[in-house]
N, C-alpha and C. Protein backbone atom coordinates (compact mmCIF):
# COMPACT_ATOMS: atom_id res chain seq x y z
N UNK A 1 0.85 -1.16 0.00
CA UNK A 1 0.00 0.00 0.00
C UNK A 1 0.90 1.23 0.00
N UNK A 2 0.68 2.11 -0.96
CA UNK A 2 1.49 3.32 -1.04
C UNK A 2 0.95 4.39 -0.10
N UNK A 3 1.75 5.41 0.11
CA UNK A 3 1.34 6.50 1.00
C UNK A 3 0.10 7.20 0.46
N UNK A 4 0.04 7.41 -0.86
CA UNK A 4 -1.13 8.10 -1.43
C UNK A 4 -2.39 7.25 -1.26
N UNK A 5 -2.26 5.94 -1.40
CA UNK A 5 -3.42 5.06 -1.17
C UNK A 5 -3.87 5.13 0.28
N UNK A 6 -2.91 5.20 1.18
CA UNK A 6 -3.23 5.27 2.60
C UNK A 6 -3.95 6.58 2.94
N UNK A 7 -3.50 7.67 2.34
CA UNK A 7 -4.15 8.96 2.57
C UNK A 7 -5.57 8.95 2.01
N UNK A 8 -5.75 8.40 0.81
CA UNK A 8 -7.09 8.30 0.22
C UNK A 8 -8.01 7.46 1.10
N UNK A 9 -7.48 6.35 1.59
CA UNK A 9 -8.29 5.49 2.45
C UNK A 9 -8.67 6.24 3.73
N UNK A 10 -7.70 6.96 4.32
CA UNK A 10 -7.97 7.71 5.55
C UNK A 10 -9.07 8.74 5.33
N UNK A 11 -8.99 9.47 4.24
CA UNK A 11 -10.00 10.51 3.97
C UNK A 11 -11.38 9.88 3.79
N UNK A 12 -11.43 8.75 3.10
CA UNK A 12 -12.72 8.07 2.91
C UNK A 12 -13.26 7.55 4.24
N UNK A 13 -12.36 7.05 5.09
CA UNK A 13 -12.78 6.50 6.38
C UNK A 13 -13.22 7.60 7.33
N UNK A 14 -12.60 8.77 7.23
CA UNK A 14 -12.94 9.87 8.12
C UNK A 14 -14.32 10.46 7.84
N UNK A 15 -14.78 10.34 6.61
CA UNK A 15 -16.07 10.91 6.24
C UNK A 15 -17.17 10.19 7.01
N UNK A 16 -17.85 10.91 7.86
CA UNK A 16 -18.97 10.35 8.61
C UNK A 16 -18.57 9.37 9.70
N UNK A 17 -17.28 9.38 10.09
CA UNK A 17 -16.82 8.42 11.10
C UNK A 17 -17.07 8.95 12.51
N UNK A 18 -17.59 8.07 13.33
CA UNK A 18 -17.74 8.38 14.76
C UNK A 18 -17.29 7.14 15.52
N UNK A 19 -16.18 7.25 16.25
CA UNK A 19 -15.65 6.09 16.97
C UNK A 19 -16.48 5.79 18.21
N UNK A 20 -16.80 4.51 18.36
CA UNK A 20 -17.54 4.04 19.54
C UNK A 20 -16.62 3.07 20.27
N UNK A 21 -15.96 3.52 21.34
CA UNK A 21 -14.99 2.67 22.04
C UNK A 21 -15.62 1.41 22.64
N UNK A 22 -16.93 1.41 22.85
CA UNK A 22 -17.56 0.23 23.43
C UNK A 22 -17.60 -0.93 22.42
N UNK A 23 -17.55 -0.63 21.15
CA UNK A 23 -17.60 -1.69 20.12
C UNK A 23 -16.22 -2.27 19.82
N UNK A 24 -15.17 -1.50 20.04
CA UNK A 24 -13.83 -2.00 19.76
C UNK A 24 -13.56 -2.03 18.26
N UNK A 25 -12.49 -2.72 17.88
CA UNK A 25 -12.10 -2.83 16.47
C UNK A 25 -12.52 -4.20 15.96
N UNK A 26 -13.09 -4.19 14.77
CA UNK A 26 -13.56 -5.43 14.15
C UNK A 26 -12.38 -6.39 13.97
N UNK A 27 -12.47 -7.62 14.48
CA UNK A 27 -11.37 -8.59 14.34
C UNK A 27 -11.01 -8.88 12.88
N UNK A 28 -11.98 -8.79 11.98
CA UNK A 28 -11.68 -9.01 10.56
C UNK A 28 -10.79 -7.89 10.01
N UNK A 29 -11.00 -6.65 10.49
CA UNK A 29 -10.15 -5.54 10.08
C UNK A 29 -8.73 -5.74 10.59
N UNK A 30 -8.61 -6.18 11.83
CA UNK A 30 -7.28 -6.45 12.39
C UNK A 30 -6.59 -7.55 11.60
N UNK A 31 -7.33 -8.60 11.27
CA UNK A 31 -6.76 -9.72 10.50
C UNK A 31 -6.33 -9.24 9.11
N UNK A 32 -7.13 -8.38 8.48
CA UNK A 32 -6.79 -7.87 7.15
C UNK A 32 -5.51 -7.04 7.20
N UNK A 33 -5.37 -6.19 8.22
CA UNK A 33 -4.16 -5.38 8.36
C UNK A 33 -2.95 -6.28 8.60
N UNK A 34 -3.10 -7.27 9.46
CA UNK A 34 -1.99 -8.20 9.73
C UNK A 34 -1.60 -8.98 8.47
N UNK A 35 -2.60 -9.36 7.67
CA UNK A 35 -2.32 -10.08 6.43
C UNK A 35 -1.57 -9.19 5.44
N UNK A 36 -1.98 -7.93 5.34
CA UNK A 36 -1.28 -6.99 4.45
C UNK A 36 0.17 -6.81 4.88
N UNK A 37 0.38 -6.67 6.18
CA UNK A 37 1.74 -6.50 6.70
C UNK A 37 2.57 -7.75 6.44
N UNK A 38 1.99 -8.92 6.65
CA UNK A 38 2.71 -10.18 6.41
C UNK A 38 3.08 -10.34 4.94
N UNK A 39 2.17 -9.96 4.05
CA UNK A 39 2.45 -10.05 2.60
C UNK A 39 3.58 -9.10 2.22
N UNK A 40 3.51 -7.86 2.72
CA UNK A 40 4.57 -6.89 2.43
C UNK A 40 5.91 -7.37 2.97
N UNK A 41 5.91 -7.96 4.14
CA UNK A 41 7.14 -8.47 4.75
C UNK A 41 7.71 -9.62 3.90
N UNK A 42 6.83 -10.53 3.48
CA UNK A 42 7.28 -11.66 2.66
C UNK A 42 7.86 -11.17 1.33
N UNK A 43 7.20 -10.17 0.72
CA UNK A 43 7.71 -9.62 -0.53
C UNK A 43 9.09 -8.99 -0.34
N UNK A 44 9.24 -8.24 0.74
CA UNK A 44 10.54 -7.61 1.01
C UNK A 44 11.63 -8.65 1.26
N UNK A 45 11.30 -9.68 2.02
CA UNK A 45 12.29 -10.73 2.29
C UNK A 45 12.69 -11.44 1.00
N UNK A 46 11.74 -11.65 0.10
CA UNK A 46 12.05 -12.27 -1.19
C UNK A 46 13.00 -11.39 -1.99
N UNK A 47 12.68 -10.09 -2.05
CA UNK A 47 13.54 -9.16 -2.79
C UNK A 47 14.93 -9.08 -2.18
N UNK A 48 15.02 -9.06 -0.86
CA UNK A 48 16.32 -9.02 -0.18
C UNK A 48 17.11 -10.30 -0.49
N UNK A 49 16.42 -11.43 -0.47
CA UNK A 49 17.08 -12.70 -0.79
C UNK A 49 17.61 -12.71 -2.22
N UNK A 50 16.83 -12.17 -3.15
CA UNK A 50 17.28 -12.12 -4.54
C UNK A 50 18.50 -11.20 -4.67
N UNK A 51 18.46 -10.06 -3.98
CA UNK A 51 19.58 -9.13 -4.04
C UNK A 51 20.83 -9.76 -3.42
N UNK A 52 20.64 -10.50 -2.35
CA UNK A 52 21.78 -11.16 -1.70
C UNK A 52 22.42 -12.17 -2.64
N UNK A 53 21.62 -12.79 -3.50
CA UNK A 53 22.16 -13.72 -4.48
C UNK A 53 22.90 -13.02 -5.62
N UNK A 54 22.49 -11.81 -5.94
CA UNK A 54 23.08 -11.06 -7.05
C UNK A 54 24.38 -10.36 -6.64
N UNK A 55 24.46 -9.92 -5.40
CA UNK A 55 25.60 -9.12 -4.95
C UNK A 55 26.96 -9.82 -5.09
N UNK A 56 27.10 -11.09 -4.72
CA UNK A 56 28.42 -11.72 -4.90
C UNK A 56 28.86 -11.75 -6.37
N UNK A 57 27.93 -11.99 -7.29
CA UNK A 57 28.28 -11.98 -8.71
C UNK A 57 28.70 -10.59 -9.14
N UNK A 58 27.96 -9.57 -8.69
CA UNK A 58 28.31 -8.19 -9.05
C UNK A 58 29.69 -7.83 -8.50
N UNK A 59 29.99 -8.27 -7.30
CA UNK A 59 31.31 -8.01 -6.71
C UNK A 59 32.40 -8.70 -7.53
N UNK A 60 32.15 -9.93 -7.94
CA UNK A 60 33.12 -10.65 -8.76
C UNK A 60 33.32 -9.99 -10.12
N UNK A 61 32.22 -9.53 -10.72
CA UNK A 61 32.32 -8.83 -12.00
C UNK A 61 33.13 -7.55 -11.86
N UNK A 62 32.91 -6.81 -10.78
CA UNK A 62 33.65 -5.56 -10.55
C UNK A 62 35.14 -5.84 -10.36
N UNK A 63 35.45 -6.90 -9.62
CA UNK A 63 36.86 -7.25 -9.40
C UNK A 63 37.52 -7.66 -10.71
N UNK A 64 36.81 -8.44 -11.53
CA UNK A 64 37.36 -8.85 -12.83
C UNK A 64 37.59 -7.64 -13.73
N UNK A 65 36.65 -6.70 -13.70
CA UNK A 65 36.80 -5.48 -14.50
C UNK A 65 38.03 -4.69 -14.06
N UNK A 66 38.20 -4.54 -12.73
CA UNK A 66 39.36 -3.81 -12.22
C UNK A 66 40.66 -4.51 -12.63
N UNK A 67 40.67 -5.85 -12.60
CA UNK A 67 41.86 -6.61 -12.99
C UNK A 67 42.18 -6.37 -14.46
N UNK A 68 41.15 -6.42 -15.32
CA UNK A 68 41.37 -6.15 -16.75
C UNK A 68 41.86 -4.73 -16.96
N UNK A 69 41.28 -3.80 -16.24
CA UNK A 69 41.68 -2.40 -16.37
C UNK A 69 43.13 -2.21 -15.93
N UNK A 70 43.53 -2.87 -14.85
CA UNK A 70 44.92 -2.79 -14.39
C UNK A 70 45.87 -3.33 -15.45
N UNK A 71 45.51 -4.46 -16.07
CA UNK A 71 46.37 -5.03 -17.13
C UNK A 71 46.43 -4.09 -18.33
N UNK A 72 45.30 -3.51 -18.71
CA UNK A 72 45.28 -2.60 -19.85
C UNK A 72 46.12 -1.35 -19.55
N UNK A 73 46.02 -0.85 -18.34
CA UNK A 73 46.81 0.32 -17.96
C UNK A 73 48.30 -0.01 -18.00
N UNK A 74 48.66 -1.19 -17.51
CA UNK A 74 50.07 -1.61 -17.52
C UNK A 74 50.56 -1.73 -18.97
N UNK A 75 49.73 -2.28 -19.85
CA UNK A 75 50.12 -2.41 -21.26
C UNK A 75 50.25 -1.03 -21.90
N UNK A 76 49.32 -0.13 -21.60
CA UNK A 76 49.39 1.22 -22.15
C UNK A 76 50.63 1.95 -21.66
N UNK A 77 50.94 1.79 -20.39
CA UNK A 77 52.13 2.43 -19.83
C UNK A 77 53.38 1.90 -20.51
N UNK A 78 53.47 0.60 -20.72
CA UNK A 78 54.63 0.00 -21.41
C UNK A 78 54.72 0.51 -22.85
N UNK A 79 53.57 0.61 -23.50
CA UNK A 79 53.53 1.10 -24.88
C UNK A 79 54.04 2.54 -24.94
N UNK A 80 53.55 3.39 -24.03
CA UNK A 80 53.97 4.79 -23.99
C UNK A 80 55.47 4.88 -23.69
N UNK A 81 55.95 4.06 -22.77
CA UNK A 81 57.36 4.10 -22.42
C UNK A 81 58.22 3.65 -23.61
N UNK A 82 57.75 2.64 -24.34
CA UNK A 82 58.49 2.19 -25.52
C UNK A 82 58.55 3.30 -26.57
N UNK A 83 57.45 4.02 -26.74
CA UNK A 83 57.44 5.13 -27.68
C UNK A 83 58.39 6.23 -27.28
N UNK A 84 58.45 6.51 -25.99
CA UNK A 84 59.37 7.53 -25.48
C UNK A 84 60.80 7.07 -25.72
N UNK A 85 61.06 5.79 -25.50
CA UNK A 85 62.40 5.24 -25.74
C UNK A 85 62.79 5.34 -27.21
N UNK A 86 61.85 5.06 -28.12
CA UNK A 86 62.14 5.17 -29.55
C UNK A 86 62.43 6.62 -29.93
N UNK A 87 61.66 7.52 -29.34
CA UNK A 87 61.86 8.95 -29.62
C UNK A 87 63.24 9.38 -29.14
N UNK A 88 63.62 8.93 -27.95
CA UNK A 88 64.92 9.28 -27.40
C UNK A 88 66.06 8.76 -28.27
N UNK A 89 65.82 7.62 -28.93
CA UNK A 89 66.84 7.04 -29.81
C UNK A 89 66.78 7.63 -31.22
N UNK A 90 65.80 8.50 -31.46
CA UNK A 90 65.66 9.11 -32.78
C UNK A 90 65.01 8.18 -33.78
N UNK A 91 64.34 7.14 -33.33
CA UNK A 91 63.72 6.17 -34.23
C UNK A 91 62.23 6.42 -34.48
N UNK A 92 61.62 7.30 -33.71
CA UNK A 92 60.19 7.57 -33.88
C UNK A 92 59.99 8.48 -35.08
N UNK A 93 58.96 8.21 -35.90
CA UNK A 93 58.69 8.99 -37.10
C UNK A 93 57.87 10.25 -36.81
N UNK A 94 57.14 10.25 -35.69
CA UNK A 94 56.29 11.40 -35.37
C UNK A 94 56.20 11.51 -33.86
N UNK A 95 55.59 12.56 -33.41
CA UNK A 95 55.38 12.70 -31.97
C UNK A 95 54.58 11.51 -31.48
N UNK A 96 54.91 11.05 -30.31
CA UNK A 96 54.22 9.88 -29.76
C UNK A 96 52.75 10.18 -29.53
N UNK A 97 51.86 9.38 -30.11
CA UNK A 97 50.43 9.67 -29.99
C UNK A 97 49.89 9.33 -28.61
N UNK A 98 48.85 9.99 -28.27
CA UNK A 98 48.10 9.68 -27.05
C UNK A 98 46.69 9.25 -27.46
N UNK A 99 45.93 8.71 -26.54
CA UNK A 99 44.60 8.25 -26.91
C UNK A 99 43.72 9.42 -27.33
N UNK A 100 43.10 9.28 -28.51
CA UNK A 100 42.14 10.27 -28.97
C UNK A 100 42.76 11.55 -29.50
N UNK A 101 44.08 11.58 -29.75
CA UNK A 101 44.67 12.84 -30.22
C UNK A 101 44.76 12.92 -31.74
N UNK A 102 44.30 11.90 -32.45
CA UNK A 102 44.27 11.93 -33.91
C UNK A 102 45.59 11.63 -34.56
N UNK A 103 46.64 11.41 -33.80
CA UNK A 103 47.96 11.19 -34.38
C UNK A 103 48.28 9.72 -34.58
N UNK A 104 47.45 8.82 -34.12
CA UNK A 104 47.76 7.40 -34.18
C UNK A 104 47.95 6.92 -35.62
N UNK A 105 47.08 7.32 -36.54
CA UNK A 105 47.18 6.89 -37.93
C UNK A 105 48.49 7.37 -38.53
N UNK A 106 48.86 8.62 -38.29
CA UNK A 106 50.10 9.16 -38.84
C UNK A 106 51.30 8.45 -38.22
N UNK A 107 51.25 8.17 -36.96
CA UNK A 107 52.35 7.52 -36.26
C UNK A 107 52.56 6.12 -36.80
N UNK A 108 51.47 5.45 -37.12
CA UNK A 108 51.56 4.07 -37.56
C UNK A 108 51.82 3.99 -39.07
N UNK A 109 51.95 5.12 -39.74
CA UNK A 109 52.25 5.12 -41.16
C UNK A 109 51.04 4.89 -42.04
N UNK A 110 49.84 5.01 -41.48
CA UNK A 110 48.62 4.82 -42.25
C UNK A 110 48.15 6.15 -42.82
N UNK A 111 47.51 6.11 -44.00
CA UNK A 111 46.98 7.36 -44.54
C UNK A 111 45.83 7.85 -43.67
N UNK A 112 45.68 9.14 -43.54
CA UNK A 112 44.62 9.72 -42.70
C UNK A 112 43.29 9.68 -43.40
């Protein structure tokens, strides 16, 4: 039950309502409220259980991604260092390219 549904129900119940404490609360109403709460609780526990099953996989995926990223960064660093070494030896044909700088094709000898 959402908050807006609860407010609508309250407004409808308040119209013409006069509480008589001698009558008490209808046991069927109490049972209905308890059933609604039990259903909501069961739904939440199911969702929590599903999330608990998903979280270890998500953690493993994140760790694998970080490992791949570390390897890629190490390869990129080695590549950049090799290019700097070639430049220092006078063997590089152009300025060492960086990612997305548009110089990669020229550096590799490919037509633009």
